[in-house]
All heavy atoms as atom14 arrays in JSON, in Angstrom:
{
  "sequence": "GVLAGFAEYFSVDVILVRVIYVLLSLFSAGFPGLLVYIIFWAVTPEK",
  "atom14_mask": [
    [1, 1, 1, 1, 0, 0, 0, 0, 0, 0, 0, 0, 0, 0],
    [1, 1, 1, 1, 1, 1, 1, 0, 0, 0, 0, 0, 0, 0],
    [1, 1, 1, 1, 1, 1, 1, 1, 0, 0, 0, 0, 0, 0],
    [1, 1, 1, 1, 1, 0, 0, 0, 0, 0, 0, 0, 0, 0],
    [1, 1, 1, 1, 0, 0, 0, 0, 0, 0, 0, 0, 0, 0],
    [1, 1, 1, 1, 1, 1, 1, 1, 1, 1, 1, 0, 0, 0],
    [1, 1, 1, 1, 1, 0, 0, 0, 0, 0, 0, 0, 0, 0],
    [1, 1, 1, 1, 1, 1, 1, 1, 1, 0, 0, 0, 0, 0],
    [1, 1, 1, 1, 1, 1, 1, 1, 1, 1, 1, 1, 0, 0],
    [1, 1, 1, 1, 1, 1, 1, 1, 1, 1, 1, 0, 0, 0],
    [1, 1, 1, 1, 1, 1, 0, 0, 0, 0, 0, 0, 0, 0],
    [1, 1, 1, 1, 1, 1, 1, 0, 0, 0, 0, 0, 0, 0],
    [1, 1, 1, 1, 1, 1, 1, 1, 0, 0, 0, 0, 0, 0],
    [1, 1, 1, 1, 1, 1, 1, 0, 0, 0, 0, 0, 0, 0],
    [1, 1, 1, 1, 1, 1, 1, 1, 0, 0, 0, 0, 0, 0],
    [1, 1, 1, 1, 1, 1, 1, 1, 0, 0, 0, 0, 0, 0],
    [1, 1, 1, 1, 1, 1, 1, 0, 0, 0, 0, 0, 0, 0],
    [1, 1, 1, 1, 1, 1, 1, 1, 1, 1, 1, 0, 0, 0],
    [1, 1, 1, 1, 1, 1, 1, 0, 0, 0, 0, 0, 0, 0],
    [1, 1, 1, 1, 1, 1, 1, 1, 0, 0, 0, 0, 0, 0],
    [1, 1, 1, 1, 1, 1, 1, 1, 1, 1, 1, 1, 0, 0],
    [1, 1, 1, 1, 1, 1, 1, 0, 0, 0, 0, 0, 0, 0],
    [1, 1, 1, 1, 1, 1, 1, 1, 0, 0, 0, 0, 0, 0],
    [1, 1, 1, 1, 1, 1, 1, 1, 0, 0, 0, 0, 0, 0],
    [1, 1, 1, 1, 1, 1, 0, 0, 0, 0, 0, 0, 0, 0],
    [1, 1, 1, 1, 1, 1, 1, 1, 0, 0, 0, 0, 0, 0],
    [1, 1, 1, 1, 1, 1, 1, 1, 1, 1, 1, 0, 0, 0],
    [1, 1, 1, 1, 1, 1, 0, 0, 0, 0, 0, 0, 0, 0],
    [1, 1, 1, 1, 1, 0, 0, 0, 0, 0, 0, 0, 0, 0],
    [1, 1, 1, 1, 0, 0, 0, 0, 0, 0, 0, 0, 0, 0],
    [1, 1, 1, 1, 1, 1, 1, 1, 1, 1, 1, 0, 0, 0],
    [1, 1, 1, 1, 1, 1, 1, 0, 0, 0, 0, 0, 0, 0],
    [1, 1, 1, 1, 0, 0, 0, 0, 0, 0, 0, 0, 0, 0],
    [1, 1, 1, 1, 1, 1, 1, 1, 0, 0, 0, 0, 0, 0],
    [1, 1, 1, 1, 1, 1, 1, 1, 0, 0, 0, 0, 0, 0],
    [1, 1, 1, 1, 1, 1, 1, 0, 0, 0, 0, 0, 0, 0],
    [1, 1, 1, 1, 1, 1, 1, 1, 1, 1, 1, 1, 0, 0],
    [1, 1, 1, 1, 1, 1, 1, 1, 0, 0, 0, 0, 0, 0],
    [1, 1, 1, 1, 1, 1, 1, 1, 0, 0, 0, 0, 0, 0],
    [1, 1, 1, 1, 1, 1, 1, 1, 1, 1, 1, 0, 0, 0],
    [1, 1, 1, 1, 1, 1, 1, 1, 1, 1, 1, 1, 1, 1],
    [1, 1, 1, 1, 1, 0, 0, 0, 0, 0, 0, 0, 0, 0],
    [1, 1, 1, 1, 1, 1, 1, 0, 0, 0, 0, 0, 0, 0],
    [1, 1, 1, 1, 1, 1, 1, 0, 0, 0, 0, 0, 0, 0],
    [1, 1, 1, 1, 1, 1, 1, 0, 0, 0, 0, 0, 0, 0],
    [1, 1, 1, 1, 1, 1, 1, 1, 1, 0, 0, 0, 0, 0],
    [1, 1, 1, 1, 1, 1, 1, 1, 1, 0, 0, 0, 0, 0]
  ],
  "atom14_positions": [
    [[-5.93, -10.11, -41.06], [-7.18, -9.46, -40.63], [-7.84, -10.21, -39.51], [-9.03, -9.81, -39.12], [0.0, 0.0, 0.0], [0.0, 0.0, 0.0], [0.0, 0.0, 0.0], [0.0, 0.0, 0.0], [0.0, 0.0, 0.0], [0.0, 0.0, 0.0], [0.0, 0.0, 0.0], [0.0, 0.0, 0.0], [0.0, 0.0, 0.0], [0.0, 0.0, 0.0]],
    [[-7.26, -11.24, -38.88], [-8.0, -12.09, -37.84], [-8.2, -11.24, -36.63], [-9.22, -11.17, -36.1], [-7.2, -13.38, -37.64], [-7.73, -14.16, -36.44], [-7.13, -14.22, -38.9], [0.0, 0.0, 0.0], [0.0, 0.0, 0.0], [0.0, 0.0, 0.0], [0.0, 0.0, 0.0], [0.0, 0.0, 0.0], [0.0, 0.0, 0.0], [0.0, 0.0, 0.0]],
    [[-7.09, -10.62, -36.12], [-7.2, -9.93, -34.9], [-8.08, -8.71, -34.91], [-8.8, -8.32, -34.04], [-5.85, -9.54, -34.44], [-4.93, -10.75, -34.1], [-3.56, -10.26, -33.7], [-5.49, -11.66, -33.02], [0.0, 0.0, 0.0], [0.0, 0.0, 0.0], [0.0, 0.0, 0.0], [0.0, 0.0, 0.0], [0.0, 0.0, 0.0], [0.0, 0.0, 0.0]],
    [[-8.04, -7.98, -36.17], [-8.85, -6.84, -36.42], [-10.32, -7.4, -36.49], [-11.22, -6.52, -36.05], [-8.43, -6.11, -37.67], [0.0, 0.0, 0.0], [0.0, 0.0, 0.0], [0.0, 0.0, 0.0], [0.0, 0.0, 0.0], [0.0, 0.0, 0.0], [0.0, 0.0, 0.0], [0.0, 0.0, 0.0], [0.0, 0.0, 0.0], [0.0, 0.0, 0.0]],
    [[-10.53, -8.5, -37.0], [-11.88, -9.04, -37.02], [-12.46, -9.29, -35.63], [-13.67, -9.06, -35.36], [0.0, 0.0, 0.0], [0.0, 0.0, 0.0], [0.0, 0.0, 0.0], [0.0, 0.0, 0.0], [0.0, 0.0, 0.0], [0.0, 0.0, 0.0], [0.0, 0.0, 0.0], [0.0, 0.0, 0.0], [0.0, 0.0, 0.0], [0.0, 0.0, 0.0]],
    [[-11.63, -9.84, -34.8], [-12.04, -10.09, -33.37], [-12.3, -8.76, -32.66], [-13.23, -8.64, -31.94], [-10.9, -10.85, -32.58], [-10.96, -12.31, -32.67], [-10.01, -12.98, -33.45], [-11.97, -13.0, -32.1], [-10.03, -14.4, -33.58], [-12.01, -14.38, -32.21], [-11.04, -15.03, -32.94], [0.0, 0.0, 0.0], [0.0, 0.0, 0.0], [0.0, 0.0, 0.0]],
    [[-11.52, -7.72, -32.99], [-11.69, -6.42, -32.38], [-13.07, -5.92, -32.83], [-13.77, -5.3, -31.99], [-10.59, -5.5, -32.71], [0.0, 0.0, 0.0], [0.0, 0.0, 0.0], [0.0, 0.0, 0.0], [0.0, 0.0, 0.0], [0.0, 0.0, 0.0], [0.0, 0.0, 0.0], [0.0, 0.0, 0.0], [0.0, 0.0, 0.0], [0.0, 0.0, 0.0]],
    [[-13.34, -5.96, -34.07], [-14.59, -5.43, -34.55], [-15.82, -6.29, -33.95], [-16.85, -5.75, -33.6], [-14.69, -5.55, -36.14], [-13.81, -4.56, -36.74], [-13.79, -4.73, -38.31], [-14.53, -5.55, -38.89], [-12.93, -4.07, -38.91], [0.0, 0.0, 0.0], [0.0, 0.0, 0.0], [0.0, 0.0, 0.0], [0.0, 0.0, 0.0], [0.0, 0.0, 0.0]],
    [[-15.65, -7.59, -33.87], [-16.71, -8.36, -33.37], [-16.99, -8.1, -31.85], [-18.22, -8.02, -31.52], [-16.31, -10.01, -33.53], [-17.4, -10.86, -33.09], [-18.42, -11.25, -33.89], [-17.35, -11.48, -31.78], [-19.45, -12.04, -33.54], [-18.41, -12.36, -31.39], [-19.35, -12.67, -32.29], [-20.38, -13.58, -31.87], [0.0, 0.0, 0.0], [0.0, 0.0, 0.0]],
    [[-15.96, -7.96, -31.13], [-16.19, -7.54, -29.63], [-16.23, -6.15, -29.38], [-16.35, -5.73, -28.19], [-15.04, -8.27, -28.83], [-15.17, -9.75, -28.81], [-14.23, -10.52, -29.39], [-16.2, -10.42, -28.15], [-14.31, -11.93, -29.39], [-16.26, -11.81, -28.21], [-15.34, -12.53, -28.74], [0.0, 0.0, 0.0], [0.0, 0.0, 0.0], [0.0, 0.0, 0.0]],
    [[-16.2, -5.26, -30.41], [-16.19, -3.81, -30.23], [-15.16, -3.26, -29.38], [-15.46, -2.57, -28.41], [-17.6, -3.33, -29.8], [-18.55, -3.78, -30.75], [0.0, 0.0, 0.0], [0.0, 0.0, 0.0], [0.0, 0.0, 0.0], [0.0, 0.0, 0.0], [0.0, 0.0, 0.0], [0.0, 0.0, 0.0], [0.0, 0.0, 0.0], [0.0, 0.0, 0.0]],
    [[-13.86, -3.63, -29.51], [-12.84, -3.17, -28.65], [-11.78, -2.64, -29.61], [-11.8, -2.93, -30.88], [-12.19, -4.25, -27.74], [-13.22, -4.71, -26.64], [-11.69, -5.44, -28.47], [0.0, 0.0, 0.0], [0.0, 0.0, 0.0], [0.0, 0.0, 0.0], [0.0, 0.0, 0.0], [0.0, 0.0, 0.0], [0.0, 0.0, 0.0], [0.0, 0.0, 0.0]],
    [[-10.84, -1.96, -29.13], [-9.72, -1.39, -29.89], [-8.87, -2.44, -30.48], [-8.46, -3.33, -29.77], [-8.93, -0.42, -29.11], [-7.9, 0.34, -29.89], [-8.12, 0.51, -31.14], [-6.95, 0.85, -29.28], [0.0, 0.0, 0.0], [0.0, 0.0, 0.0], [0.0, 0.0, 0.0], [0.0, 0.0, 0.0], [0.0, 0.0, 0.0], [0.0, 0.0, 0.0]],
    [[-8.48, -2.38, -31.77], [-7.73, -3.41, -32.37], [-6.29, -3.42, -31.74], [-5.71, -4.54, -31.68], [-7.67, -3.24, -33.95], [-6.92, -1.93, -34.28], [-7.06, -4.4, -34.65], [0.0, 0.0, 0.0], [0.0, 0.0, 0.0], [0.0, 0.0, 0.0], [0.0, 0.0, 0.0], [0.0, 0.0, 0.0], [0.0, 0.0, 0.0], [0.0, 0.0, 0.0]],
    [[-5.75, -2.34, -31.26], [-4.43, -2.33, -30.63], [-4.46, -3.22, -29.38], [-3.57, -3.96, -29.16], [-3.99, -0.93, -30.31], [-3.89, -0.09, -31.58], [-2.65, -0.96, -29.53], [-2.82, -0.49, -32.56], [0.0, 0.0, 0.0], [0.0, 0.0, 0.0], [0.0, 0.0, 0.0], [0.0, 0.0, 0.0], [0.0, 0.0, 0.0], [0.0, 0.0, 0.0]],
    [[-5.53, -3.07, -28.57], [-5.7, -3.92, -27.43], [-5.7, -5.44, -27.71], [-4.98, -6.17, -27.09], [-6.94, -3.5, -26.66], [-7.23, -4.32, -25.38], [-6.19, -3.98, -24.35], [-8.61, -3.92, -24.87], [0.0, 0.0, 0.0], [0.0, 0.0, 0.0], [0.0, 0.0, 0.0], [0.0, 0.0, 0.0], [0.0, 0.0, 0.0], [0.0, 0.0, 0.0]],
    [[-6.39, -5.76, -28.77], [-6.48, -7.24, -29.12], [-5.1, -7.68, -29.59], [-4.7, -8.77, -29.21], [-7.5, -7.38, -30.23], [-7.51, -8.83, -30.76], [-8.91, -7.1, -29.75], [0.0, 0.0, 0.0], [0.0, 0.0, 0.0], [0.0, 0.0, 0.0], [0.0, 0.0, 0.0], [0.0, 0.0, 0.0], [0.0, 0.0, 0.0], [0.0, 0.0, 0.0]],
    [[-4.41, -6.84, -30.33], [-3.1, -7.28, -30.84], [-2.04, -7.39, -29.75], [-1.32, -8.32, -29.66], [-2.66, -6.24, -31.9], [-3.36, -6.35, -33.21], [-2.97, -5.37, -34.25], [-3.71, -5.53, -35.47], [-4.01, -4.58, -36.28], [-3.53, -3.31, -36.04], [-4.69, -4.86, -37.35], [0.0, 0.0, 0.0], [0.0, 0.0, 0.0], [0.0, 0.0, 0.0]],
    [[-2.13, -6.48, -28.79], [-1.19, -6.55, -27.63], [-1.49, -7.8, -26.71], [-0.62, -8.57, -26.4], [-1.31, -5.25, -26.68], [-0.65, -5.49, -25.39], [-0.77, -4.05, -27.51], [0.0, 0.0, 0.0], [0.0, 0.0, 0.0], [0.0, 0.0, 0.0], [0.0, 0.0, 0.0], [0.0, 0.0, 0.0], [0.0, 0.0, 0.0], [0.0, 0.0, 0.0]],
    [[-2.82, -8.08, -26.45], [-3.14, -9.29, -25.79], [-2.69, -10.53, -26.49], [-2.18, -11.45, -25.83], [-4.7, -9.31, -25.45], [-5.05, -8.23, -24.48], [-5.11, -10.72, -24.99], [-6.5, -7.99, -24.32], [0.0, 0.0, 0.0], [0.0, 0.0, 0.0], [0.0, 0.0, 0.0], [0.0, 0.0, 0.0], [0.0, 0.0, 0.0], [0.0, 0.0, 0.0]],
    [[-2.79, -10.6, -27.83], [-2.44, -11.75, -28.58], [-0.96, -11.98, -28.51], [-0.39, -13.04, -28.25], [-2.83, -11.56, -30.11], [-2.21, -12.6, -31.01], [-2.75, -13.86, -30.98], [-1.14, -12.29, -31.76], [-2.22, -14.87, -31.71], [-0.54, -13.29, -32.51], [-1.14, -14.53, -32.54], [-0.57, -15.49, -33.3], [0.0, 0.0, 0.0], [0.0, 0.0, 0.0]],
    [[-0.13, -10.85, -28.62], [1.32, -10.94, -28.56], [1.65, -11.47, -27.23], [2.57, -12.29, -27.03], [2.02, -9.64, -28.95], [3.45, -9.65, -28.58], [1.81, -9.27, -30.32], [0.0, 0.0, 0.0], [0.0, 0.0, 0.0], [0.0, 0.0, 0.0], [0.0, 0.0, 0.0], [0.0, 0.0, 0.0], [0.0, 0.0, 0.0], [0.0, 0.0, 0.0]],
    [[1.12, -10.88, -26.13], [1.49, -11.35, -24.76], [1.18, -12.81, -24.55], [1.94, -13.46, -23.98], [0.86, -10.42, -23.79], [1.35, -9.01, -23.62], [0.51, -8.18, -22.65], [2.83, -8.95, -23.3], [0.0, 0.0, 0.0], [0.0, 0.0, 0.0], [0.0, 0.0, 0.0], [0.0, 0.0, 0.0], [0.0, 0.0, 0.0], [0.0, 0.0, 0.0]],
    [[-0.05, -13.22, -24.95], [-0.37, -14.65, -24.82], [0.56, -15.51, -25.58], [0.87, -16.59, -25.14], [-1.87, -14.85, -25.18], [-2.92, -14.29, -24.27], [-4.28, -14.49, -24.86], [-2.83, -15.08, -22.89], [0.0, 0.0, 0.0], [0.0, 0.0, 0.0], [0.0, 0.0, 0.0], [0.0, 0.0, 0.0], [0.0, 0.0, 0.0], [0.0, 0.0, 0.0]],
    [[0.88, -15.09, -26.76], [1.7, -15.9, -27.67], [3.12, -16.07, -27.08], [3.75, -17.06, -27.04], [1.84, -15.35, -29.08], [0.65, -15.43, -29.68], [0.0, 0.0, 0.0], [0.0, 0.0, 0.0], [0.0, 0.0, 0.0], [0.0, 0.0, 0.0], [0.0, 0.0, 0.0], [0.0, 0.0, 0.0], [0.0, 0.0, 0.0], [0.0, 0.0, 0.0]],
    [[3.7, -14.94, -26.43], [5.06, -14.95, -25.89], [4.98, -15.82, -24.64], [5.96, -16.6, -24.4], [5.49, -13.51, -25.46], [5.87, -12.66, -26.66], [6.1, -11.28, -26.15], [6.97, -13.23, -27.42], [0.0, 0.0, 0.0], [0.0, 0.0, 0.0], [0.0, 0.0, 0.0], [0.0, 0.0, 0.0], [0.0, 0.0, 0.0], [0.0, 0.0, 0.0]],
    [[3.89, -15.79, -23.74], [3.97, -16.51, -22.56], [3.55, -17.97, -22.77], [3.7, -18.79, -21.84], [2.92, -15.84, -21.6], [3.5, -14.53, -20.94], [2.83, -13.43, -21.06], [4.76, -14.56, -20.34], [3.31, -12.22, -20.65], [5.29, -13.47, -19.84], [4.53, -12.21, -19.96], [0.0, 0.0, 0.0], [0.0, 0.0, 0.0], [0.0, 0.0, 0.0]],
    [[3.08, -18.26, -23.97], [2.83, -19.81, -24.3], [3.79, -20.25, -25.26], [3.52, -21.19, -25.98], [1.39, -19.78, -24.82], [1.28, -19.18, -26.06], [0.0, 0.0, 0.0], [0.0, 0.0, 0.0], [0.0, 0.0, 0.0], [0.0, 0.0, 0.0], [0.0, 0.0, 0.0], [0.0, 0.0, 0.0], [0.0, 0.0, 0.0], [0.0, 0.0, 0.0]],
    [[4.99, -19.75, -25.3], [6.12, -20.14, -26.16], [5.82, -19.81, -27.56], [6.52, -20.43, -28.51], [6.46, -21.57, -25.91], [0.0, 0.0, 0.0], [0.0, 0.0, 0.0], [0.0, 0.0, 0.0], [0.0, 0.0, 0.0], [0.0, 0.0, 0.0], [0.0, 0.0, 0.0], [0.0, 0.0, 0.0], [0.0, 0.0, 0.0], [0.0, 0.0, 0.0]],
    [[4.87, -19.03, -28.01], [4.71, -18.57, -29.36], [3.98, -19.55, -30.29], [3.14, -19.09, -31.04], [0.0, 0.0, 0.0], [0.0, 0.0, 0.0], [0.0, 0.0, 0.0], [0.0, 0.0, 0.0], [0.0, 0.0, 0.0], [0.0, 0.0, 0.0], [0.0, 0.0, 0.0], [0.0, 0.0, 0.0], [0.0, 0.0, 0.0], [0.0, 0.0, 0.0]],
    [[4.34, -20.73, -30.28], [3.85, -21.71, -31.26], [2.28, -21.89, -31.21], [1.65, -21.78, -32.25], [4.58, -23.04, -31.11], [4.0, -24.04, -32.15], [4.31, -23.92, -33.49], [3.19, -25.08, -31.71], [3.85, -24.83, -34.4], [2.82, -26.0, -32.65], [3.08, -25.89, -33.97], [0.0, 0.0, 0.0], [0.0, 0.0, 0.0], [0.0, 0.0, 0.0]],
    [[1.71, -22.05, -30.0], [0.29, -22.23, -30.02], [-0.48, -20.97, -30.51], [-1.47, -21.13, -31.35], [-0.09, -22.46, -28.55], [1.14, -23.02, -27.97], [2.22, -22.31, -28.71], [0.0, 0.0, 0.0], [0.0, 0.0, 0.0], [0.0, 0.0, 0.0], [0.0, 0.0, 0.0], [0.0, 0.0, 0.0], [0.0, 0.0, 0.0], [0.0, 0.0, 0.0]],
    [[0.1, -19.82, -30.29], [-0.64, -18.59, -30.74], [-0.54, -18.47, -32.27], [-1.48, -18.14, -32.88], [0.0, 0.0, 0.0], [0.0, 0.0, 0.0], [0.0, 0.0, 0.0], [0.0, 0.0, 0.0], [0.0, 0.0, 0.0], [0.0, 0.0, 0.0], [0.0, 0.0, 0.0], [0.0, 0.0, 0.0], [0.0, 0.0, 0.0], [0.0, 0.0, 0.0]],
    [[0.59, -18.86, -32.82], [0.76, -18.77, -34.26], [-0.12, -19.88, -34.93], [-0.73, -19.57, -35.98], [2.22, -19.04, -34.62], [2.51, -19.02, -36.12], [2.26, -17.62, -36.7], [4.02, -19.34, -36.31], [0.0, 0.0, 0.0], [0.0, 0.0, 0.0], [0.0, 0.0, 0.0], [0.0, 0.0, 0.0], [0.0, 0.0, 0.0], [0.0, 0.0, 0.0]],
    [[-0.22, -21.0, -34.36], [-1.03, -22.13, -34.89], [-2.52, -21.69, -34.84], [-3.3, -21.88, -35.85], [-0.81, -23.36, -34.15], [-1.53, -24.59, -34.65], [-1.1, -24.96, -36.05], [-1.29, -25.82, -33.73], [0.0, 0.0, 0.0], [0.0, 0.0, 0.0], [0.0, 0.0, 0.0], [0.0, 0.0, 0.0], [0.0, 0.0, 0.0], [0.0, 0.0, 0.0]],
    [[-3.03, -21.09, -33.81], [-4.4, -20.65, -33.62], [-4.62, -19.56, -34.6], [-5.73, -19.52, -35.29], [-4.64, -20.27, -32.14], [-5.94, -19.46, -32.03], [-4.61, -21.41, -31.21], [0.0, 0.0, 0.0], [0.0, 0.0, 0.0], [0.0, 0.0, 0.0], [0.0, 0.0, 0.0], [0.0, 0.0, 0.0], [0.0, 0.0, 0.0], [0.0, 0.0, 0.0]],
    [[-3.72, -18.63, -34.88], [-3.88, -17.5, -35.75], [-4.11, -18.13, -37.17], [-4.94, -17.64, -37.99], [-2.68, -16.56, -35.75], [-2.92, -15.34, -36.61], [-3.46, -14.23, -36.06], [-2.55, -15.35, -37.96], [-3.65, -13.12, -36.84], [-2.89, -14.24, -38.7], [-3.4, -13.1, -38.13], [-3.65, -12.05, -38.98], [0.0, 0.0, 0.0], [0.0, 0.0, 0.0]],
    [[-3.21, -19.08, -37.6], [-3.29, -19.64, -38.9], [-4.59, -20.39, -39.07], [-5.19, -20.32, -40.21], [-2.09, -20.6, -39.08], [-0.82, -19.76, -39.22], [-2.27, -21.44, -40.4], [0.45, -20.5, -39.25], [0.0, 0.0, 0.0], [0.0, 0.0, 0.0], [0.0, 0.0, 0.0], [0.0, 0.0, 0.0], [0.0, 0.0, 0.0], [0.0, 0.0, 0.0]],
    [[-5.08, -21.09, -38.09], [-6.32, -21.81, -38.17], [-7.48, -20.75, -38.36], [-8.33, -20.98, -39.26], [-6.55, -22.75, -36.93], [-5.57, -23.86, -36.93], [-8.04, -23.15, -36.87], [-5.58, -24.66, -35.67], [0.0, 0.0, 0.0], [0.0, 0.0, 0.0], [0.0, 0.0, 0.0], [0.0, 0.0, 0.0], [0.0, 0.0, 0.0], [0.0, 0.0, 0.0]],
    [[-7.51, -19.73, -37.5], [-8.64, -18.75, -37.67], [-8.46, -18.05, -39.05], [-9.56, -17.72, -39.65], [-8.48, -17.71, -36.58], [-9.29, -18.06, -35.39], [-8.69, -18.6, -34.2], [-10.74, -18.08, -35.38], [-9.4, -18.92, -33.15], [-11.43, -18.56, -34.3], [-10.77, -18.92, -33.1], [0.0, 0.0, 0.0], [0.0, 0.0, 0.0], [0.0, 0.0, 0.0]],
    [[-7.31, -17.83, -39.52], [-7.19, -17.21, -40.82], [-7.68, -18.09, -41.98], [-8.38, -17.6, -42.88], [-5.63, -16.88, -41.15], [-5.44, -16.32, -42.45], [-5.59, -15.06, -42.9], [-4.92, -17.06, -43.59], [-5.31, -14.92, -44.24], [-4.82, -16.15, -44.7], [-4.49, -18.32, -43.82], [-4.41, -16.46, -46.02], [-4.04, -18.71, -45.09], [-3.99, -17.73, -46.09]],
    [[-7.5, -19.4, -41.83], [-8.01, -20.34, -42.84], [-9.51, -20.58, -42.75], [-10.18, -20.74, -43.75], [-7.26, -21.62, -42.69], [0.0, 0.0, 0.0], [0.0, 0.0, 0.0], [0.0, 0.0, 0.0], [0.0, 0.0, 0.0], [0.0, 0.0, 0.0], [0.0, 0.0, 0.0], [0.0, 0.0, 0.0], [0.0, 0.0, 0.0], [0.0, 0.0, 0.0]],
    [[-10.09, -20.49, -41.54], [-11.47, -20.84, -41.27], [-12.42, -19.58, -41.41], [-13.47, -19.75, -41.87], [-11.58, -21.49, -39.96], [-13.1, -21.73, -39.62], [-10.85, -22.85, -39.93], [0.0, 0.0, 0.0], [0.0, 0.0, 0.0], [0.0, 0.0, 0.0], [0.0, 0.0, 0.0], [0.0, 0.0, 0.0], [0.0, 0.0, 0.0], [0.0, 0.0, 0.0]],
    [[-11.97, -18.44, -40.94], [-12.82, -17.29, -40.87], [-12.93, -16.62, -42.3], [-11.91, -16.29, -42.91], [-12.23, -16.28, -39.92], [-12.06, -16.89, -38.65], [-13.21, -15.11, -39.68], [0.0, 0.0, 0.0], [0.0, 0.0, 0.0], [0.0, 0.0, 0.0], [0.0, 0.0, 0.0], [0.0, 0.0, 0.0], [0.0, 0.0, 0.0], [0.0, 0.0, 0.0]],
    [[-14.11, -16.35, -42.76], [-14.3, -15.68, -44.1], [-13.92, -14.23, -43.99], [-14.04, -13.63, -42.92], [-15.73, -15.9, -44.44], [-16.45, -16.0, -43.03], [-15.43, -16.65, -42.18], [0.0, 0.0, 0.0], [0.0, 0.0, 0.0], [0.0, 0.0, 0.0], [0.0, 0.0, 0.0], [0.0, 0.0, 0.0], [0.0, 0.0, 0.0], [0.0, 0.0, 0.0]],
    [[-13.47, -13.7, -45.19], [-13.21, -12.32, -45.2], [-14.5, -11.47, -45.25], [-15.5, -11.94, -45.79], [-12.34, -11.99, -46.43], [-11.84, -10.57, -46.41], [-10.68, -10.4, -47.36], [-10.35, -11.34, -48.14], [-10.1, -9.25, -47.35], [0.0, 0.0, 0.0], [0.0, 0.0, 0.0], [0.0, 0.0, 0.0], [0.0, 0.0, 0.0], [0.0, 0.0, 0.0]],
    [[-14.48, -10.33, -44.63], [-15.68, -9.44, -44.6], [-16.06, -9.11, -45.99], [-15.21, -8.63, -46.8], [-15.26, -8.19, -43.79], [-16.51, -7.33, -43.48], [-16.03, -6.2, -42.49], [-17.16, -5.41, -42.02], [-16.69, -4.33, -41.12], [0.0, 0.0, 0.0], [0.0, 0.0, 0.0], [0.0, 0.0, 0.0], [0.0, 0.0, 0.0], [0.0, 0.0, 0.0]]
  ]
}
């Protein structure tokens, strides 16, 4: 629910946020994107 949370926070389409995340993860060799996602998942409270 991290990316959907970002989409709600910035009032943008969740698909757009997910596509941007995937592209950034692929171009940064994947690992930093996955690590950032896990950190946000652990730190961000559920709605």
